Amino acid sequence: MTVAPHGYVTVMFSITVSRALTVADVVATFVELIPPGLQLVVQPDDADIPDNMGDLWIRLVGNEDPAWPLSLDVLGGYDCGLGPYPDLRVAEHMGERHGVDVLCGVDPSLVDVDPQDPYYRLALVGGRWYLASTAGTRLMGPYTVCDADGFRKEPGEEPVKLIRQVVVDTR
């Protein structure tokens, strides 16, 4: 894995897509985005962590929510060529290339919400960006609920909620 001069990974993000994609789909997408010559490693969730993670390592992780069946966990070094908002850039490219909707983390420079709140996401839906909430969704569950009968697990049943449209400039 390529790391910054001080040993820090500089690209680390996760995005979630609205359709299951294959390793080949993800490789094709990233090859179109990163500079030629970088080593790209894409693996399903059940694969062992490789000894050589390349310049950019992507793990495909299945989700419990059928509306959002796949997440991509991405780790890379300072030289991976994805720019200042790598998750948003990848989301836009995946949306165009594969016709999927995409959920990303919230960058406080783009949307005025608490970036530590685990339920806010940026959603690229139908080619437009929205602030979204994942609270109560199957994607974020299962939730532990405590009532008179004790603790139990609830899967979460709400769909991802689009709160408002936002302007996102990834260039």
C-alpha atoms as a PDB file:
ATOM      1  CA  MET A   1       0.000   0.000   0.000  1.00  0.00           C
ATOM      2  CA  THR A   2       1.307   3.448  -0.831  1.00  0.00           C
ATOM      3  CA  VAL A   3       1.414   5.700   2.192  1.00  0.00           C
ATOM      4  CA  ALA A   4       2.149   9.380   2.662  1.00  0.00           C
ATOM      5  CA  PRO A   5       5.730  10.389   3.574  1.00  0.00           C
ATOM      6  CA  HIS A   6       4.895  10.272   7.296  1.00  0.00           C
ATOM      7  CA  GLY A   7       3.299   6.838   7.083  1.00  0.00           C
ATOM      8  CA  TYR A   8      -0.348   7.945   6.952  1.00  0.00           C
ATOM      9  CA  VAL A   9      -3.016   6.483   4.723  1.00  0.00           C
ATOM     10  CA  THR A  10      -4.578   9.518   3.104  1.00  0.00           C
ATOM     11  CA  VAL A  11      -7.571   8.026   1.308  1.00  0.00           C
ATOM     12  CA  MET A  12     -10.042   6.082   3.400  1.00  0.00           C
ATOM     13  CA  PHE A  13     -13.749   6.020   2.717  1.00  0.00           C
ATOM     14  CA  SER A  14     -16.765   3.829   2.296  1.00  0.00           C
ATOM     15  CA  ILE A  15     -19.588   4.193  -0.199  1.00  0.00           C
ATOM     16  CA  THR A  16     -22.759   2.146  -0.518  1.00  0.00           C
ATOM     17  CA  VAL A  17     -24.481   1.367  -3.812  1.00  0.00           C
ATOM     18  CA  SER A  18     -28.032   0.429  -4.738  1.00  0.00           C
ATOM     19  CA  ARG A  19     -27.129  -2.685  -6.726  1.00  0.00           C
ATOM     20  CA  ALA A  20     -24.746  -5.567  -6.183  1.00  0.00           C
ATOM     21  CA  LEU A  21     -21.671  -5.077  -8.357  1.00  0.00           C
ATOM     22  CA  THR A  22     -19.007  -7.645  -9.147  1.00  0.00           C
ATOM     23  CA  VAL A  23     -15.295  -7.360  -8.495  1.00  0.00           C
ATOM     24  CA  ALA A  24     -14.885  -6.899 -12.266  1.00  0.00           C
ATOM     25  CA  ASP A  25     -17.421  -4.018 -12.271  1.00  0.00           C
ATOM     26  CA  VAL A  26     -15.529  -2.248  -9.491  1.00  0.00           C
ATOM     27  CA  VAL A  27     -12.120  -2.835 -11.098  1.00  0.00           C
ATOM     28  CA  ALA A  28     -13.375  -1.392 -14.397  1.00  0.00           C
ATOM     29  CA  THR A  29     -14.742   1.678 -12.615  1.00  0.00           C
ATOM     30  CA  PHE A  30     -11.555   2.444 -10.694  1.00  0.00           C
ATOM     31  CA  VAL A  31      -9.259   1.777 -13.664  1.00  0.00           C
ATOM     32  CA  GLU A  32     -11.092   4.612 -15.424  1.00  0.00           C
ATOM     33  CA  LEU A  33     -10.470   6.951 -12.457  1.00  0.00           C
ATOM     34  CA  ILE A  34      -6.930   6.322 -11.240  1.00  0.00           C
ATOM     35  CA  PRO A  35      -3.667   7.136 -13.016  1.00  0.00           C
ATOM     36  CA  PRO A  36      -2.182   4.370 -15.171  1.00  0.00           C
ATOM     37  CA  GLY A  37       0.387   2.195 -13.448  1.00  0.00           C
ATOM     38  CA  LEU A  38      -1.120   2.251  -9.959  1.00  0.00           C
ATOM     39  CA  GLN A  39      -1.677  -1.148  -8.414  1.00  0.00           C
ATOM     40  CA  LEU A  40      -5.351  -1.766  -7.689  1.00  0.00           C
ATOM     41  CA  VAL A  41      -6.526  -4.630  -5.471  1.00  0.00           C
ATOM     42  CA  VAL A  42     -10.283  -5.351  -5.283  1.00  0.00           C
ATOM     43  CA  GLN A  43     -11.554  -8.210  -3.133  1.00  0.00           C
ATOM     44  CA  PRO A  44     -14.826  -9.662  -1.875  1.00  0.00           C
ATOM     45  CA  ASP A  45     -15.452  -9.410   1.863  1.00  0.00           C
ATOM     46  CA  ASP A  46     -14.575 -13.037   2.552  1.00  0.00           C
ATOM     47  CA  ALA A  47     -11.057 -12.795   1.049  1.00  0.00           C
ATOM     48  CA  ASP A  48      -8.034 -12.586   3.309  1.00  0.00           C
ATOM     49  CA  ILE A  49      -6.279  -9.233   3.567  1.00  0.00           C
ATOM     50  CA  PRO A  50      -3.489  -9.427   0.990  1.00  0.00           C
ATOM     51  CA  ASP A  51       0.176  -9.106   1.895  1.00  0.00           C
ATOM     52  CA  ASN A  52       0.490  -6.453  -0.806  1.00  0.00           C
ATOM     53  CA  MET A  53      -2.513  -4.130  -0.694  1.00  0.00           C
ATOM     54  CA  GLY A  54      -1.337  -2.178  -3.728  1.00  0.00           C
ATOM     55  CA  ASP A  55      -1.718   1.579  -4.119  1.00  0.00           C
ATOM     56  CA  LEU A  56      -5.481   1.303  -3.699  1.00  0.00           C
ATOM     57  CA  TRP A  57      -7.250  -1.541  -1.884  1.00  0.00           C
ATOM     58  CA  ILE A  58     -11.011  -1.996  -2.109  1.00  0.00           C
ATOM     59  CA  ARG A  59     -13.058  -4.496  -0.146  1.00  0.00           C
ATOM     60  CA  LEU A  60     -16.624  -5.294  -1.264  1.00  0.00           C
ATOM     61  CA  VAL A  61     -18.935  -5.764   1.722  1.00  0.00           C
ATOM     62  CA  GLY A  62     -22.491  -7.071   1.524  1.00  0.00           C
ATOM     63  CA  ASN A  63     -25.264  -5.299   3.469  1.00  0.00           C
ATOM     64  CA  GLU A  64     -28.526  -6.486   5.022  1.00  0.00           C
ATOM     65  CA  ASP A  65     -30.575  -3.820   3.215  1.00  0.00           C
ATOM     66  CA  PRO A  66     -31.791  -5.069  -0.184  1.00  0.00           C
ATOM     67  CA  ALA A  67     -32.139  -1.449  -1.356  1.00  0.00           C
ATOM     68  CA  TRP A  68     -28.408  -0.888  -0.626  1.00  0.00           C
ATOM     69  CA  PRO A  69     -26.812  -4.337  -1.000  1.00  0.00           C
ATOM     70  CA  LEU A  70     -23.129  -3.411  -1.352  1.00  0.00           C
ATOM     71  CA  SER A  71     -20.555  -1.178   0.324  1.00  0.00           C
ATOM     72  CA  LEU A  72     -17.051  -0.494  -0.925  1.00  0.00           C
ATOM     73  CA  ASP A  73     -14.390   0.102   1.730  1.00  0.00           C
ATOM     74  CA  VAL A  74     -11.488   1.951   0.105  1.00  0.00           C
ATOM     75  CA  LEU A  75      -7.944   2.490   1.443  1.00  0.00           C
ATOM     76  CA  GLY A  76      -5.174   4.201  -0.460  1.00  0.00           C
ATOM     77  CA  GLY A  77      -2.128   6.373  -0.281  1.00  0.00           C
ATOM     78  CA  TYR A  78      -1.556  10.013  -1.063  1.00  0.00           C
ATOM     79  CA  ASP A  79      -0.738   9.234  -4.681  1.00  0.00           C
ATOM     80  CA  CYS A  80      -3.866   7.325  -5.749  1.00  0.00           C
ATOM     81  CA  GLY A  81      -5.085  10.163  -7.969  1.00  0.00           C
ATOM     82  CA  LEU A  82      -8.693  10.433  -6.779  1.00  0.00           C
ATOM     83  CA  GLY A  83      -8.524  14.123  -5.844  1.00  0.00           C
ATOM     84  CA  PRO A  84      -9.833  16.118  -2.870  1.00  0.00           C
ATOM     85  CA  TYR A  85     -13.267  14.426  -2.570  1.00  0.00           C
ATOM     86  CA  PRO A  86     -12.487  10.856  -3.615  1.00  0.00           C
ATOM     87  CA  ASP A  87     -15.709   9.274  -2.352  1.00  0.00           C
ATOM     88  CA  LEU A  88     -17.869  11.822  -4.151  1.00  0.00           C
ATOM     89  CA  ARG A  89     -15.872  11.501  -7.361  1.00  0.00           C
ATOM     90  CA  VAL A  90     -16.147   7.707  -7.262  1.00  0.00           C
ATOM     91  CA  ALA A  91     -19.877   7.975  -6.465  1.00  0.00           C
ATOM     92  CA  GLU A  92     -20.538  10.179  -9.493  1.00  0.00           C
ATOM     93  CA  HIS A  93     -18.563   7.892 -11.779  1.00  0.00           C
ATOM     94  CA  MET A  94     -20.281   4.752 -10.459  1.00  0.00           C
ATOM     95  CA  GLY A  95     -23.676   6.397 -10.794  1.00  0.00           C
ATOM     96  CA  GLU A  96     -23.010   7.260 -14.428  1.00  0.00           C
ATOM     97  CA  ARG A  97     -21.219   4.045 -15.380  1.00  0.00           C
ATOM     98  CA  HIS A  98     -23.469   1.510 -13.622  1.00  0.00           C
ATOM     99  CA  GLY A  99     -26.740   3.412 -13.191  1.00  0.00           C
ATOM    100  CA  VAL A 100     -26.664   3.033  -9.407  1.00  0.00           C
ATOM    101  CA  ASP A 101     -27.587   5.350  -6.565  1.00  0.00           C
ATOM    102  CA  VAL A 102     -24.779   5.909  -4.059  1.00  0.00           C
ATOM    103  CA  LEU A 103     -24.480   6.837  -0.372  1.00  0.00           C
ATOM    104  CA  CYS A 104     -21.343   8.625   0.867  1.00  0.00           C
ATOM    105  CA  GLY A 105     -20.147  10.172   4.088  1.00  0.00           C
ATOM    106  CA  VAL A 106     -20.951  13.812   4.810  1.00  0.00           C
ATOM    107  CA  ASP A 107     -18.143  16.329   4.398  1.00  0.00           C
ATOM    108  CA  PRO A 108     -18.755  19.365   6.654  1.00  0.00           C
ATOM    109  CA  SER A 109     -17.364  21.687   3.971  1.00  0.00           C
ATOM    110  CA  LEU A 110     -20.201  20.620   1.672  1.00  0.00           C
ATOM    111  CA  VAL A 111     -23.220  20.263   3.974  1.00  0.00           C
ATOM    112  CA  ASP A 112     -23.860  21.928   7.335  1.00  0.00           C
ATOM    113  CA  VAL A 113     -24.487  18.892   9.578  1.00  0.00           C
ATOM    114  CA  ASP A 114     -22.518  17.143  12.274  1.00  0.00           C
ATOM    115  CA  PRO A 115     -20.093  14.860  10.376  1.00  0.00           C
ATOM    116  CA  GLN A 116     -19.884  12.613  13.463  1.00  0.00           C
ATOM    117  CA  ASP A 117     -23.623  11.835  13.340  1.00  0.00           C
ATOM    118  CA  PRO A 118     -23.618   8.271  11.978  1.00  0.00           C
ATOM    119  CA  TYR A 119     -27.026   8.598  10.351  1.00  0.00           C
ATOM    120  CA  TYR A 120     -26.401  11.456   7.894  1.00  0.00           C
ATOM    121  CA  ARG A 121     -25.188  10.612   4.404  1.00  0.00           C
ATOM    122  CA  LEU A 122     -24.839  12.307   1.083  1.00  0.00           C
ATOM    123  CA  ALA A 123     -26.973  10.429  -1.424  1.00  0.00           C
ATOM    124  CA  LEU A 124     -26.537  10.546  -5.173  1.00  0.00           C
ATOM    125  CA  VAL A 125     -29.959   9.495  -6.427  1.00  0.00           C
ATOM    126  CA  GLY A 126     -30.926   9.747 -10.071  1.00  0.00           C
ATOM    127  CA  GLY A 127     -27.885  11.937 -10.738  1.00  0.00           C
ATOM    128  CA  ARG A 128     -28.780  14.508  -8.045  1.00  0.00           C
ATOM    129  CA  TRP A 129     -27.202  14.994  -4.628  1.00  0.00           C
ATOM    130  CA  TYR A 130     -29.267  14.959  -1.431  1.00  0.00           C
ATOM    131  CA  LEU A 131     -28.662  15.077   2.278  1.00  0.00           C
ATOM    132  CA  ALA A 132     -30.083  11.781   3.525  1.00  0.00           C
ATOM    133  CA  SER A 133     -30.839  10.079   6.824  1.00  0.00           C
ATOM    134  CA  THR A 134     -30.200   6.390   7.425  1.00  0.00           C
ATOM    135  CA  ALA A 135     -31.702   6.365  10.944  1.00  0.00           C
ATOM    136  CA  GLY A 136     -33.961   3.362  11.526  1.00  0.00           C
ATOM    137  CA  THR A 137     -32.932   1.673   8.282  1.00  0.00           C
ATOM    138  CA  ARG A 138     -31.995  -1.935   7.759  1.00  0.00           C
ATOM    139  CA  LEU A 139     -28.689  -0.603   6.398  1.00  0.00           C
ATOM    140  CA  MET A 140     -27.745   0.726   9.846  1.00  0.00           C
ATOM    141  CA  GLY A 141     -29.288  -2.075  11.920  1.00  0.00           C
ATOM    142  CA  PRO A 142     -29.723  -4.260  13.709  1.00  0.00           C
ATOM    143  CA  TYR A 143     -30.640  -1.996  16.587  1.00  0.00           C
ATOM    144  CA  THR A 144     -30.703  -3.070  20.216  1.00  0.00           C
ATOM    145  CA  VAL A 145     -34.038  -2.183  21.805  1.00  0.00           C
ATOM    146  CA  CYS A 146     -34.715  -2.345  25.527  1.00  0.00           C
ATOM    147  CA  ASP A 147     -38.297  -2.655  26.750  1.00  0.00           C
ATOM    148  CA  ALA A 148     -40.209  -4.367  29.562  1.00  0.00           C
ATOM    149  CA  ASP A 149     -39.304  -7.785  28.107  1.00  0.00           C
ATOM    150  CA  GLY A 150     -35.567  -7.034  28.071  1.00  0.00           C
ATOM    151  CA  PHE A 151     -33.162  -6.495  25.195  1.00  0.00           C
ATOM    152  CA  ARG A 152     -33.950  -7.557  21.648  1.00  0.00           C
ATOM    153  CA  LYS A 153     -32.591  -6.893  18.183  1.00  0.00           C
ATOM    154  CA  GLU A 154     -34.641  -4.935  15.634  1.00  0.00           C
ATOM    155  CA  PRO A 155     -33.481  -4.971  12.029  1.00  0.00           C
ATOM    156  CA  GLY A 156     -34.674  -1.462  11.169  1.00  0.00           C
ATOM    157  CA  GLU A 157     -37.345  -1.160   8.508  1.00  0.00           C
ATOM    158  CA  GLU A 158     -37.266   2.455   7.309  1.00  0.00           C
ATOM    159  CA  PRO A 159     -35.986   3.307   3.834  1.00  0.00           C
ATOM    160  CA  VAL A 160     -33.161   5.819   3.478  1.00  0.00           C
ATOM    161  CA  LYS A 161     -34.842   9.242   3.694  1.00  0.00           C
ATOM    162  CA  LEU A 162     -33.861  12.068   1.363  1.00  0.00           C
ATOM    163  CA  ILE A 163     -34.003  15.241   3.479  1.00  0.00           C
ATOM    164  CA  ARG A 164     -33.180  17.949   0.944  1.00  0.00           C
ATOM    165  CA  GLN A 165     -31.324  18.437  -2.301  1.00  0.00           C
ATOM    166  CA  VAL A 166     -27.794  19.844  -1.938  1.00  0.00           C
ATOM    167  CA  VAL A 167     -25.188  21.238  -4.288  1.00  0.00           C
ATOM    168  CA  VAL A 168     -22.029  19.162  -4.417  1.00  0.00           C
ATOM    169  CA  ASP A 169     -19.078  20.226  -6.558  1.00  0.00           C
ATOM    170  CA  THR A 170     -16.453  17.501  -6.759  1.00  0.00           C
ATOM    171  CA  ARG A 171     -14.132  19.293  -9.182  1.00  0.00           C
END
